[in-house]
Amino acid sequence: EVQLVESGGGLVQTGGSLRLSCAASGGTFDDSTISWFRQAPGKEREGVSCIDGRDGTTYLPDTVKGRFSTSIDSAKNTVYLQMNDMNAEDTAVYYCAQGVDGLCLYGTLYVYEYDYWGQGTQVTVSS
């Protein structure tokens, strides 16, 4: 069974940057979609990025486009989320998730489409 482990969370000041990592064990990212979601206290989980494990196609919603980016290192079975120019609204627990191939093509990020989830990593942006 695939296990996803996030790392790289922590405390950052407004305007700063963080890079999160999502490493897979027990499987690969080939022929799958890997996305990042976040959940702030009292709010629903929302998607912030998507990458196709086969061809590297990405999708990011307008809420983070221009500040966040995602990439994949297939040799390391690791997906990254680079977050720049961060603000207090980025404070949340960040999760990576794996779903079937092709999900990035639709320009949507639905929680129910993902089968495997990491345990999450806390990101806090302070002013």
Protein backbone atom coordinates (compact mmCIF):
# COMPACT_ATOMS: atom_id res chain seq x y z
CA GLU A 1 0.00 0.00 0.00
CA VAL A 2 1.21 3.46 -0.89
CA GLN A 3 2.28 5.67 1.97
CA LEU A 4 2.82 9.41 1.58
CA VAL A 5 4.98 11.40 3.98
CA GLU A 6 5.08 15.18 3.97
CA SER A 7 7.93 17.25 5.34
CA GLY A 8 9.20 20.81 5.27
CA GLY A 9 6.50 22.58 7.23
CA GLY A 10 7.26 25.13 9.91
CA LEU A 11 7.06 28.76 10.88
CA VAL A 12 7.76 31.47 8.32
CA GLN A 13 7.34 35.23 8.31
CA THR A 14 5.01 37.09 6.00
CA GLY A 15 6.61 37.38 2.59
CA GLY A 16 8.83 34.38 3.19
CA SER A 17 9.11 31.02 1.43
CA LEU A 18 8.86 27.34 2.27
CA ARG A 19 9.24 24.18 0.24
CA LEU A 20 7.22 21.15 1.20
CA SER A 21 8.12 17.63 0.15
CA CYS A 22 5.91 14.59 -0.32
CA ALA A 23 7.72 11.26 -0.50
CA ALA A 24 6.05 8.03 -1.54
CA SER A 25 6.85 4.55 -0.31
CA GLY A 26 5.28 1.27 -1.36
CA GLY A 27 4.56 2.67 -4.80
CA THR A 28 5.47 5.29 -7.35
CA PHE A 29 3.93 8.47 -8.74
CA ASP A 30 3.90 7.08 -12.29
CA ASP A 31 0.47 7.11 -13.91
CA SER A 32 -1.08 9.07 -11.09
CA THR A 33 -1.96 12.58 -10.01
CA ILE A 34 -0.34 14.10 -6.97
CA SER A 35 -1.90 17.13 -5.37
CA TRP A 36 -1.46 19.33 -2.35
CA PHE A 37 -4.37 20.36 -0.18
CA ARG A 38 -4.50 22.53 2.89
CA GLN A 39 -6.89 22.89 5.77
CA ALA A 40 -7.03 25.86 8.10
CA PRO A 41 -8.83 25.69 11.46
CA GLY A 42 -12.58 25.80 10.98
CA LYS A 43 -12.34 25.68 7.19
CA GLU A 44 -12.82 23.00 4.59
CA ARG A 45 -9.88 21.30 2.97
CA GLU A 46 -8.94 23.07 -0.27
CA GLY A 47 -6.65 22.10 -3.11
CA VAL A 48 -3.66 24.27 -3.93
CA SER A 49 -1.80 22.32 -6.61
CA CYS A 50 -1.88 19.33 -8.87
CA ILE A 51 0.81 17.59 -10.94
CA ASP A 52 0.58 14.71 -13.36
CA GLY A 53 3.10 12.02 -12.47
CA ARG A 54 3.53 10.95 -16.07
CA ASP A 55 4.05 14.19 -18.02
CA GLY A 56 4.45 16.87 -15.36
CA THR A 57 1.34 18.83 -16.31
CA THR A 58 0.39 21.14 -13.45
CA TYR A 59 -2.63 23.06 -12.32
CA LEU A 60 -2.83 25.68 -9.60
CA PRO A 61 -5.96 27.61 -8.65
CA ASP A 62 -6.05 31.40 -8.80
CA THR A 63 -5.79 31.61 -5.00
CA VAL A 64 -2.12 30.60 -5.15
CA LYS A 65 -1.15 30.97 -8.79
CA GLY A 66 1.95 33.11 -9.17
CA ARG A 67 3.10 32.38 -5.62
CA PHE A 68 3.05 28.57 -5.42
CA SER A 69 4.48 26.00 -7.78
CA THR A 70 4.74 22.23 -7.79
CA SER A 71 7.28 19.87 -9.26
CA ILE A 72 8.18 16.21 -9.26
CA ASP A 73 11.42 14.25 -8.99
CA SER A 74 10.43 10.83 -10.27
CA ALA A 75 13.81 9.32 -9.43
CA LYS A 76 13.24 10.20 -5.79
CA ASN A 77 9.49 9.51 -5.80
CA THR A 78 9.04 12.98 -4.37
CA VAL A 79 6.72 15.86 -5.18
CA TYR A 80 7.43 19.39 -4.02
CA LEU A 81 5.32 22.41 -3.26
CA GLN A 82 7.27 25.66 -3.42
CA MET A 83 5.48 28.48 -1.62
CA ASN A 84 6.65 32.08 -2.04
CA ASP A 85 5.44 35.46 -0.83
CA MET A 86 3.47 33.79 1.89
CA ASN A 87 0.82 35.48 3.99
CA ALA A 88 -1.30 34.68 7.03
CA GLU A 89 -4.01 33.09 4.87
CA ASP A 90 -1.54 30.38 3.92
CA THR A 91 -1.46 29.14 7.52
CA ALA A 92 -2.85 25.60 7.51
CA VAL A 93 -2.03 21.93 7.69
CA TYR A 94 -0.81 20.89 4.26
CA TYR A 95 -1.49 17.41 2.90
CA CYS A 96 -0.30 15.65 -0.19
CA ALA A 97 -2.60 13.20 -1.87
CA GLN A 98 -2.45 10.71 -4.72
CA GLY A 99 -5.21 9.95 -7.17
CA VAL A 100 -5.70 8.36 -10.54
CA ASP A 101 -3.97 9.66 -13.66
CA GLY A 102 -5.37 12.66 -15.49
CA LEU A 103 -7.04 14.65 -12.74
CA CYS A 104 -5.00 17.80 -13.47
CA LEU A 105 -6.60 18.11 -16.89
CA TYR A 106 -9.95 19.13 -15.41
CA GLY A 107 -8.70 22.18 -13.53
CA THR A 108 -10.38 21.05 -10.34
CA LEU A 109 -9.20 19.72 -7.00
CA TYR A 110 -11.78 17.58 -5.25
CA VAL A 111 -10.90 15.78 -2.04
CA TYR A 112 -13.03 12.75 -2.92
CA GLU A 113 -10.98 12.03 -6.05
CA TYR A 114 -7.88 11.11 -4.05
CA ASP A 115 -7.26 7.67 -2.58
CA TYR A 116 -4.07 8.11 -0.59
CA TRP A 117 -3.20 10.88 1.84
CA GLY A 118 -0.24 11.86 3.93
CA GLN A 119 -0.48 12.75 7.60
CA GLY A 120 -0.05 16.47 6.98
CA THR A 121 2.52 19.07 7.92
CA GLN A 122 1.79 22.33 9.74
CA VAL A 123 2.64 25.62 8.06
CA THR A 124 2.33 28.81 10.06
CA VAL A 125 2.88 32.29 8.64
CA SER A 126 3.52 35.00 11.20
CA SER A 127 3.38 38.74 10.72
